């Protein structure tokens, strides 16, 4: 959930000013996080470690892994600017204000 709020802040997105619409938007985010999206419900057999199929998948996803590693580093760096402490302060303030 924190990531969604971080992305909203980073890209300058905000909730609607209308309280009802804002609650709908917050509920939508919670539902997407809870239920997920883009699921593959088709079962398949995983290739055996050391097999040609496993080697091919590893080769084909090598840049995905590098991108994932970079994104984790970026996420950690952005946490300092957009992350946890600031989000907790915002939630505490909202709770105090009754929102």
N, C-alpha and C. Protein backbone atom coordinates (compact mmCIF):
# COMPACT_ATOMS: atom_id res chain seq x y z
N UNK A 1 0.83 -1.19 0.00
CA UNK A 1 0.00 0.00 0.00
C UNK A 1 0.88 1.26 0.00
N UNK A 2 1.95 1.19 0.75
CA UNK A 2 2.86 2.33 0.82
C UNK A 2 3.42 2.66 -0.55
N UNK A 3 3.71 1.65 -1.35
CA UNK A 3 4.26 1.87 -2.68
C UNK A 3 3.28 2.66 -3.54
N UNK A 4 2.00 2.34 -3.45
CA UNK A 4 1.00 3.05 -4.23
C UNK A 4 1.00 4.53 -3.85
N UNK A 5 1.02 4.80 -2.55
CA UNK A 5 1.02 6.19 -2.10
C UNK A 5 2.32 6.90 -2.49
N UNK A 6 3.40 6.17 -2.47
CA UNK A 6 4.68 6.75 -2.89
C UNK A 6 4.63 7.12 -4.37
N UNK A 7 4.09 6.23 -5.19
CA UNK A 7 3.97 6.52 -6.61
C UNK A 7 3.03 7.69 -6.86
N UNK A 8 1.96 7.76 -6.09
CA UNK A 8 1.03 8.88 -6.23
C UNK A 8 1.76 10.20 -5.96
N UNK A 9 2.54 10.24 -4.91
CA UNK A 9 3.26 11.46 -4.56
C UNK A 9 4.31 11.78 -5.63
N UNK A 10 5.04 10.77 -6.04
CA UNK A 10 6.12 10.96 -7.02
C UNK A 10 5.58 11.55 -8.32
N UNK A 11 4.42 11.02 -8.78
CA UNK A 11 3.86 11.47 -10.05
C UNK A 11 2.87 12.64 -9.89
N UNK A 12 2.68 13.09 -8.65
CA UNK A 12 1.81 14.23 -8.42
C UNK A 12 0.33 13.90 -8.47
N UNK A 13 -0.02 12.63 -8.26
CA UNK A 13 -1.44 12.24 -8.24
C UNK A 13 -2.00 12.51 -6.85
N UNK A 14 -3.29 12.76 -6.78
CA UNK A 14 -3.93 12.95 -5.48
C UNK A 14 -5.34 12.40 -5.53
N UNK A 15 -5.89 12.18 -4.35
CA UNK A 15 -7.26 11.72 -4.25
C UNK A 15 -8.20 12.87 -4.54
N UNK A 16 -9.40 12.52 -4.90
CA UNK A 16 -10.46 13.50 -5.14
C UNK A 16 -10.73 14.27 -3.85
N UNK A 17 -11.11 15.51 -3.96
CA UNK A 17 -11.41 16.32 -2.77
C UNK A 17 -12.74 15.92 -2.15
N UNK A 18 -13.65 15.40 -2.97
CA UNK A 18 -14.93 14.92 -2.46
C UNK A 18 -14.68 13.68 -1.59
N UNK A 19 -15.13 13.73 -0.34
CA UNK A 19 -14.84 12.65 0.62
C UNK A 19 -15.37 11.29 0.15
N UNK A 20 -16.57 11.28 -0.42
CA UNK A 20 -17.13 10.00 -0.89
C UNK A 20 -16.27 9.42 -2.00
N UNK A 21 -15.92 10.26 -2.95
CA UNK A 21 -15.08 9.81 -4.08
C UNK A 21 -13.70 9.38 -3.57
N UNK A 22 -13.16 10.12 -2.61
CA UNK A 22 -11.86 9.78 -2.04
C UNK A 22 -11.90 8.41 -1.38
N UNK A 23 -12.96 8.13 -0.62
CA UNK A 23 -13.10 6.83 0.02
C UNK A 23 -13.20 5.72 -1.02
N UNK A 24 -13.91 5.97 -2.11
CA UNK A 24 -14.01 4.98 -3.19
C UNK A 24 -12.65 4.70 -3.79
N UNK A 25 -11.86 5.74 -3.99
CA UNK A 25 -10.52 5.58 -4.55
C UNK A 25 -9.62 4.80 -3.60
N UNK A 26 -9.69 5.11 -2.31
CA UNK A 26 -8.88 4.38 -1.33
C UNK A 26 -9.30 2.91 -1.26
N UNK A 27 -10.62 2.67 -1.30
CA UNK A 27 -11.12 1.29 -1.30
C UNK A 27 -10.67 0.54 -2.54
N UNK A 28 -10.64 1.22 -3.67
CA UNK A 28 -10.19 0.59 -4.92
C UNK A 28 -8.74 0.13 -4.79
N UNK A 29 -7.90 0.98 -4.22
CA UNK A 29 -6.49 0.62 -4.02
C UNK A 29 -6.38 -0.58 -3.10
N UNK A 30 -7.12 -0.56 -1.99
CA UNK A 30 -7.08 -1.68 -1.04
C UNK A 30 -7.54 -2.98 -1.69
N UNK A 31 -8.61 -2.90 -2.49
CA UNK A 31 -9.12 -4.10 -3.17
C UNK A 31 -8.09 -4.65 -4.16
N UNK A 32 -7.45 -3.77 -4.94
CA UNK A 32 -6.44 -4.23 -5.89
C UNK A 32 -5.26 -4.89 -5.19
N UNK A 33 -4.87 -4.32 -4.06
CA UNK A 33 -3.75 -4.90 -3.31
C UNK A 33 -4.13 -6.23 -2.68
N UNK A 34 -5.35 -6.33 -2.23
CA UNK A 34 -5.81 -7.56 -1.58
C UNK A 34 -6.04 -8.68 -2.59
N UNK A 35 -6.73 -8.35 -3.68
CA UNK A 35 -7.13 -9.35 -4.66
C UNK A 35 -6.11 -9.56 -5.77
N UNK A 36 -5.34 -8.52 -6.04
CA UNK A 36 -4.35 -8.61 -7.11
C UNK A 36 -4.99 -8.44 -8.47
N UNK A 37 -4.17 -8.52 -9.47
CA UNK A 37 -4.63 -8.38 -10.85
C UNK A 37 -3.69 -9.16 -11.76
N UNK A 38 -4.16 -9.47 -12.93
CA UNK A 38 -3.34 -10.15 -13.93
C UNK A 38 -2.81 -11.49 -13.44
N UNK A 39 -3.70 -12.31 -12.90
CA UNK A 39 -3.32 -13.65 -12.42
C UNK A 39 -3.37 -14.66 -13.56
N UNK A 40 -2.44 -15.58 -13.53
CA UNK A 40 -2.44 -16.69 -14.47
C UNK A 40 -2.94 -17.91 -13.72
N UNK A 41 -4.15 -18.34 -14.02
CA UNK A 41 -4.76 -19.47 -13.32
C UNK A 41 -4.49 -20.81 -13.98
N UNK A 42 -3.71 -20.80 -15.05
CA UNK A 42 -3.38 -22.03 -15.76
C UNK A 42 -2.21 -22.71 -15.05
N UNK A 43 -2.38 -23.97 -14.68
CA UNK A 43 -1.29 -24.68 -14.01
C UNK A 43 -0.30 -25.20 -15.06
N UNK A 44 0.93 -25.28 -14.65
CA UNK A 44 1.99 -25.77 -15.54
C UNK A 44 3.09 -26.37 -14.68
N UNK A 45 3.89 -27.19 -15.31
CA UNK A 45 4.99 -27.84 -14.61
C UNK A 45 6.24 -26.98 -14.71
N UNK A 46 6.88 -26.78 -13.59
CA UNK A 46 8.13 -26.00 -13.58
C UNK A 46 9.25 -26.84 -14.16
N UNK A 47 10.12 -26.24 -14.95
CA UNK A 47 11.24 -27.01 -15.51
C UNK A 47 12.21 -27.42 -14.41
N UNK A 48 12.80 -28.56 -14.59
CA UNK A 48 13.76 -29.08 -13.60
C UNK A 48 15.04 -28.25 -13.62
N UNK A 49 15.58 -28.01 -12.43
CA UNK A 49 16.82 -27.27 -12.31
C UNK A 49 17.92 -27.99 -13.10
N UNK A 50 18.68 -27.22 -13.87
CA UNK A 50 19.76 -27.80 -14.68
C UNK A 50 19.30 -28.26 -16.05
N UNK A 51 18.01 -28.24 -16.32
CA UNK A 51 17.51 -28.67 -17.63
C UNK A 51 17.73 -27.56 -18.67
N UNK A 52 17.58 -27.94 -19.92
CA UNK A 52 17.73 -26.96 -21.00
C UNK A 52 16.66 -25.88 -20.89
N UNK A 53 15.44 -26.27 -20.53
CA UNK A 53 14.35 -25.30 -20.39
C UNK A 53 14.66 -24.30 -19.28
N UNK A 54 15.18 -24.77 -18.14
CA UNK A 54 15.53 -23.88 -17.03
C UNK A 54 16.64 -22.92 -17.44
N UNK A 55 17.62 -23.42 -18.18
CA UNK A 55 18.73 -22.58 -18.64
C UNK A 55 18.22 -21.50 -19.60
N UNK A 56 17.32 -21.87 -20.48
CA UNK A 56 16.76 -20.91 -21.43
C UNK A 56 15.96 -19.83 -20.70
N UNK A 57 15.16 -20.22 -19.73
CA UNK A 57 14.39 -19.24 -18.95
C UNK A 57 15.34 -18.31 -18.20
N UNK A 58 16.37 -18.89 -17.62
CA UNK A 58 17.34 -18.06 -16.89
C UNK A 58 18.01 -17.06 -17.83
N UNK A 59 18.37 -17.48 -19.02
CA UNK A 59 18.99 -16.59 -19.99
C UNK A 59 18.01 -15.50 -20.44
N UNK A 60 16.76 -15.90 -20.68
CA UNK A 60 15.76 -14.95 -21.17
C UNK A 60 15.35 -13.92 -20.12
N UNK A 61 15.52 -14.24 -18.86
CA UNK A 61 15.08 -13.33 -17.79
C UNK A 61 16.23 -12.61 -17.11
N UNK A 62 17.44 -12.74 -17.64
CA UNK A 62 18.60 -12.13 -16.98
C UNK A 62 18.45 -10.62 -16.82
N UNK A 63 17.88 -9.95 -17.81
CA UNK A 63 17.72 -8.49 -17.71
C UNK A 63 16.55 -8.12 -16.82
N UNK A 64 15.56 -9.00 -16.74
CA UNK A 64 14.47 -8.78 -15.78
C UNK A 64 15.02 -8.78 -14.36
N UNK A 65 15.93 -9.70 -14.09
CA UNK A 65 16.53 -9.79 -12.75
C UNK A 65 17.37 -8.54 -12.47
N UNK A 66 18.12 -8.09 -13.45
CA UNK A 66 18.92 -6.86 -13.27
C UNK A 66 18.01 -5.66 -13.03
N UNK A 67 16.92 -5.58 -13.77
CA UNK A 67 15.97 -4.49 -13.58
C UNK A 67 15.33 -4.57 -12.19
N UNK A 68 15.00 -5.77 -11.76
CA UNK A 68 14.43 -5.96 -10.43
C UNK A 68 15.42 -5.50 -9.35
N UNK A 69 16.67 -5.89 -9.49
CA UNK A 69 17.69 -5.48 -8.51
C UNK A 69 17.83 -3.96 -8.47
N UNK A 70 17.84 -3.34 -9.66
CA UNK A 70 17.92 -1.89 -9.72
C UNK A 70 16.71 -1.24 -9.05
N UNK A 71 15.53 -1.80 -9.32
CA UNK A 71 14.31 -1.21 -8.75
C UNK A 71 14.30 -1.32 -7.23
N UNK A 72 14.85 -2.39 -6.69
CA UNK A 72 14.94 -2.50 -5.23
C UNK A 72 15.87 -1.43 -4.66
N UNK A 73 16.99 -1.19 -5.33
CA UNK A 73 17.90 -0.13 -4.89
C UNK A 73 17.23 1.24 -4.97
N UNK A 74 16.52 1.48 -6.06
CA UNK A 74 15.80 2.73 -6.23
C UNK A 74 14.71 2.89 -5.17
N UNK A 75 14.00 1.81 -4.90
CA UNK A 75 12.95 1.82 -3.88
C UNK A 75 13.54 2.22 -2.53
N UNK A 76 14.66 1.64 -2.17
CA UNK A 76 15.32 1.98 -0.90
C UNK A 76 15.73 3.45 -0.87
N UNK A 77 16.27 3.95 -1.98
CA UNK A 77 16.68 5.35 -2.04
C UNK A 77 15.48 6.28 -1.94
N UNK A 78 14.39 5.92 -2.61
CA UNK A 78 13.20 6.77 -2.58
C UNK A 78 12.49 6.71 -1.23
N UNK A 79 12.70 5.64 -0.48
CA UNK A 79 12.07 5.55 0.84
C UNK A 79 12.50 6.72 1.70
N UNK A 80 13.74 7.14 1.53
CA UNK A 80 14.25 8.27 2.31
C UNK A 80 13.47 9.54 2.01
N UNK A 81 13.06 9.70 0.75
CA UNK A 81 12.38 10.94 0.37
C UNK A 81 10.85 10.82 0.42
N UNK A 82 10.31 9.67 0.00
CA UNK A 82 8.87 9.53 -0.14
C UNK A 82 8.28 8.46 0.76
N UNK A 83 9.11 7.82 1.57
CA UNK A 83 8.69 6.57 2.16
C UNK A 83 8.09 6.58 3.53
N UNK A 84 8.41 5.57 4.25
CA UNK A 84 7.75 5.15 5.47
C UNK A 84 7.51 6.24 6.48
N UNK A 85 8.54 6.96 6.88
CA UNK A 85 8.38 7.95 7.95
C UNK A 85 7.38 9.02 7.55
N UNK A 86 7.51 9.52 6.34
CA UNK A 86 6.60 10.56 5.88
C UNK A 86 5.17 10.03 5.81
N UNK A 87 4.99 8.81 5.33
CA UNK A 87 3.66 8.21 5.23
C UNK A 87 3.05 8.02 6.61
N UNK A 88 3.85 7.56 7.56
CA UNK A 88 3.34 7.37 8.92
C UNK A 88 2.92 8.69 9.53
N UNK A 89 3.70 9.75 9.29
CA UNK A 89 3.34 11.08 9.80
C UNK A 89 2.02 11.53 9.20
N UNK A 90 1.86 11.31 7.88
CA UNK A 90 0.63 11.71 7.20
C UNK A 90 -0.58 10.96 7.77
N UNK A 91 -0.44 9.65 7.97
CA UNK A 91 -1.54 8.86 8.52
C UNK A 91 -1.87 9.28 9.95
N UNK A 92 -0.85 9.57 10.74
CA UNK A 92 -1.06 10.01 12.12
C UNK A 92 -1.81 11.34 12.14
N UNK A 93 -1.41 12.26 11.26
CA UNK A 93 -2.07 13.56 11.17
C UNK A 93 -3.52 13.40 10.75
N UNK A 94 -3.77 12.56 9.76
CA UNK A 94 -5.14 12.33 9.28
C UNK A 94 -6.00 11.73 10.39
N UNK A 95 -5.42 10.80 11.14
CA UNK A 95 -6.16 10.17 12.23
C UNK A 95 -6.51 11.21 13.29
N UNK A 96 -5.53 12.06 13.59
CA UNK A 96 -5.73 13.12 14.58
C UNK A 96 -6.80 14.10 14.14
N UNK A 97 -6.81 14.41 12.83
CA UNK A 97 -7.79 15.34 12.28
C UNK A 97 -9.16 14.69 12.07
N UNK A 98 -9.23 13.37 12.24
CA UNK A 98 -10.49 12.66 12.08
C UNK A 98 -10.82 12.28 10.66
N UNK A 99 -9.83 12.26 9.77
CA UNK A 99 -10.06 11.89 8.36
C UNK A 99 -9.64 10.49 8.12
